Amino acid sequence: MTLATVKSQGFGQTTKKPGIGDEINVVVRGATNLLRRTTKWLQNVSHLESRAGSQFGRNVVTSLAELNRGTGVVVIEVHRKASAVVMSTAHYEELREMETYCKTLLKRVQELEIQEAADKYEVLFQRITAPESQAGIDSLFTASADDLNNAYQPGQTENH
C-alpha cells in the first residue's frame, strides 16, 4: 500500500476516537517527508558509489569522513563484487524512523479494518433486531411445511 493510498483511504476521518485523524495525518506527513529525504540516498546498490573493501579498511577514519561528506552511503566491494553497504549514522536513524512510521501505519490499517468489519456487523445486527424484521423472524420459526414449500425459490447454485 502506498502513502497516496493510505491518504486516499481517509485515515482517521471516519473513526469514532477523537484526535486520531489528526494523529494519522501527522504520521502520513512525517512518513512522506522522510521518504522524500531517503530517496536521495536509498537507491539500488548498482547506483551507489562503491569502494574496494581493502581501500575502505586501510584507513577507516578517512573513509568514514569521506562517507559523511558525500552521500552518506557507499558500497564495499570484495573481489569486485558488492558485499556490504556502509551508511552514516544519520541515514541509519532515518531507516529506524521509517520503521516506526511503517509500524504505526500498519497498526492503524489493522484498526480501520477491524472497525470496518464491526460497522458491517452492527448494520446487520440493527437490521435483524429492527421491529420490521420481527414479523419475518417470527414467521420463520412458526411456518408450516406447506408455507416453506410455497416460499421456496432455488438459488443460483442449485439445479432447477
Protein backbone atom coordinates (compact mmCIF):
# COMPACT_ATOMS: atom_id res chain seq x y z
CA MET A 1 0.00 0.00 0.00
CA THR A 2 1.41 3.36 -0.97
CA LEU A 3 1.20 6.50 1.13
CA ALA A 4 -1.09 8.00 -1.52
CA THR A 5 -3.40 5.02 -0.99
CA VAL A 6 -3.17 5.45 2.76
CA LYS A 7 -4.13 9.12 2.40
CA SER A 8 -6.96 8.36 -0.05
CA GLN A 9 -8.40 5.77 2.32
CA GLY A 10 -9.33 8.62 4.66
CA PHE A 11 -7.32 7.54 7.67
CA GLY A 12 -8.95 8.85 10.79
CA GLN A 13 -11.80 10.65 9.05
CA THR A 14 -14.50 8.11 9.95
CA THR A 15 -13.12 6.95 13.26
CA LYS A 16 -15.03 7.42 16.48
CA LYS A 17 -11.90 8.22 18.50
CA PRO A 18 -11.32 11.97 18.82
CA GLY A 19 -7.98 13.21 17.57
CA ILE A 20 -6.96 10.01 15.76
CA GLY A 21 -7.42 11.62 12.32
CA ASP A 22 -5.02 14.40 13.23
CA GLU A 23 -2.54 11.87 14.60
CA ILE A 24 -2.60 9.82 11.40
CA ASN A 25 -2.28 12.94 9.23
CA VAL A 26 0.85 13.85 11.18
CA VAL A 27 2.22 10.32 10.71
CA VAL A 28 1.47 10.34 6.97
CA ARG A 29 3.07 13.78 6.55
CA GLY A 30 6.13 12.70 8.53
CA ALA A 31 6.48 9.46 6.57
CA THR A 32 6.08 11.33 3.27
CA ASN A 33 8.79 13.82 4.21
CA LEU A 34 11.06 11.02 5.36
CA LEU A 35 10.59 9.16 2.06
CA ARG A 36 11.48 12.31 0.15
CA ARG A 37 14.70 12.60 2.15
CA THR A 38 15.67 8.95 1.85
CA THR A 39 15.07 8.68 -1.90
CA LYS A 40 18.12 10.91 -2.34
CA TRP A 41 20.39 8.21 -0.93
CA LEU A 42 18.35 4.97 -0.59
CA GLN A 43 18.95 3.62 -4.08
CA ASN A 44 19.71 0.36 -5.81
CA VAL A 45 23.22 -0.87 -4.98
CA SER A 46 24.25 -0.53 -8.63
CA HIS A 47 23.62 3.25 -8.44
CA LEU A 48 25.67 3.88 -5.31
CA GLU A 49 29.29 4.92 -5.05
CA SER A 50 31.48 1.88 -4.48
CA ARG A 51 34.87 1.39 -2.92
CA ALA A 52 37.14 -1.63 -2.61
CA GLY A 53 36.98 -3.17 0.84
CA SER A 54 40.75 -3.07 1.20
CA GLN A 55 40.80 0.64 0.31
CA PHE A 56 37.98 1.40 2.75
CA GLY A 57 39.53 -0.68 5.52
CA ARG A 58 43.09 0.62 5.29
CA ASN A 59 42.08 3.97 6.67
CA VAL A 60 38.64 3.65 8.23
CA VAL A 61 38.68 7.11 9.82
CA THR A 62 39.37 8.85 6.49
CA SER A 63 36.87 6.61 4.66
CA LEU A 64 34.14 7.41 7.18
CA ALA A 65 34.90 11.13 7.00
CA GLU A 66 34.56 10.94 3.19
CA LEU A 67 31.35 8.97 3.60
CA ASN A 68 29.86 11.66 5.82
CA ARG A 69 30.98 14.45 3.47
CA GLY A 70 29.50 12.65 0.47
CA THR A 71 26.14 10.94 0.05
CA GLY A 72 26.46 9.10 3.35
CA VAL A 73 26.27 5.69 1.65
CA VAL A 74 28.97 3.59 0.00
CA VAL A 75 29.07 0.04 -1.32
CA ILE A 76 32.05 -2.02 -0.17
CA GLU A 77 33.30 -4.44 -2.79
CA VAL A 78 35.27 -7.58 -2.12
CA HIS A 79 36.80 -9.21 -5.20
CA ARG A 80 34.96 -6.62 -7.34
CA LYS A 81 31.59 -7.77 -6.06
CA ALA A 82 29.24 -5.70 -3.86
CA SER A 83 29.46 -7.23 -0.39
CA ALA A 84 28.16 -4.61 2.02
CA VAL A 85 26.62 -1.16 2.24
CA VAL A 86 28.05 1.25 4.78
CA MET A 87 25.92 4.22 5.72
CA SER A 88 26.19 7.19 8.01
CA THR A 89 24.53 7.03 11.41
CA ALA A 90 22.15 9.78 10.25
CA HIS A 91 20.93 7.54 7.41
CA TYR A 92 20.66 4.59 9.76
CA GLU A 93 18.49 6.67 12.09
CA GLU A 94 16.30 7.64 9.13
CA LEU A 95 15.76 3.94 8.43
CA ARG A 96 14.80 3.39 12.07
CA GLU A 97 12.40 6.33 11.84
CA MET A 98 10.89 4.78 8.70
CA GLU A 99 10.38 1.54 10.62
CA THR A 100 8.46 3.45 13.30
CA TYR A 101 6.23 5.12 10.70
CA CYS A 102 5.57 1.78 8.99
CA LYS A 103 4.60 0.11 12.27
CA THR A 104 2.28 2.99 13.16
CA LEU A 105 0.60 2.97 9.75
CA LEU A 106 0.21 -0.81 9.74
CA LYS A 107 -1.35 -0.71 13.19
CA ARG A 108 -3.78 1.96 12.04
CA VAL A 109 -4.71 -0.04 8.92
CA GLN A 110 -5.48 -3.02 11.16
CA GLU A 111 -7.59 -0.85 13.46
CA LEU A 112 -9.53 0.53 10.49
CA GLU A 113 -10.11 -2.95 9.07
CA ILE A 114 -11.46 -4.11 12.44
CA GLN A 115 -13.65 -1.00 12.71
CA GLU A 116 -14.98 -1.52 9.19
CA ALA A 117 -15.87 -5.15 9.96
CA ALA A 118 -17.52 -4.12 13.23
CA ASP A 119 -19.53 -1.44 11.39
CA LYS A 120 -20.79 -4.03 8.86
CA TYR A 121 -21.85 -6.39 11.63
CA GLU A 122 -23.53 -3.55 13.51
CA VAL A 123 -25.61 -2.69 10.43
CA LEU A 124 -26.58 -6.35 10.03
CA PHE A 125 -27.45 -6.64 13.72
CA GLN A 126 -29.60 -3.49 13.53
CA ARG A 127 -31.48 -4.92 10.53
CA ILE A 128 -32.05 -8.24 12.26
CA THR A 129 -33.26 -6.70 15.51
CA ALA A 130 -35.39 -3.96 13.90
CA PRO A 131 -39.11 -4.16 14.71
CA GLU A 132 -39.98 -4.50 11.00
CA SER A 133 -37.80 -7.65 10.84
CA GLN A 134 -39.52 -9.25 13.81
CA ALA A 135 -42.54 -10.48 11.78
CA GLY A 136 -40.24 -12.22 9.29
CA ILE A 137 -38.23 -13.83 12.07
CA ASP A 138 -41.41 -14.98 13.85
CA SER A 139 -42.80 -16.48 10.64
CA LEU A 140 -39.52 -18.32 10.06
CA PHE A 141 -39.99 -20.27 13.28
CA THR A 142 -43.75 -20.74 13.01
CA ALA A 143 -44.03 -21.58 9.28
CA SER A 144 -45.58 -24.88 8.30
CA ALA A 145 -44.02 -27.25 5.80
CA ASP A 146 -46.55 -26.07 3.16
CA ASP A 147 -45.61 -22.41 3.81
CA LEU A 148 -41.91 -23.24 3.37
CA ASN A 149 -42.55 -25.28 0.19
CA ASN A 150 -44.61 -22.45 -1.33
CA ALA A 151 -41.96 -19.83 -0.49
CA TYR A 152 -39.01 -21.90 -1.73
CA GLN A 153 -37.03 -20.50 -4.69
CA PRO A 154 -33.90 -22.31 -5.90
CA GLY A 155 -30.68 -20.35 -5.67
CA GLN A 156 -28.10 -19.84 -8.42
CA THR A 157 -26.05 -22.84 -7.30
CA GLU A 158 -28.97 -25.27 -7.19
CA ASN A 159 -30.25 -27.32 -10.11
CA HIS A 160 -33.66 -26.18 -11.32
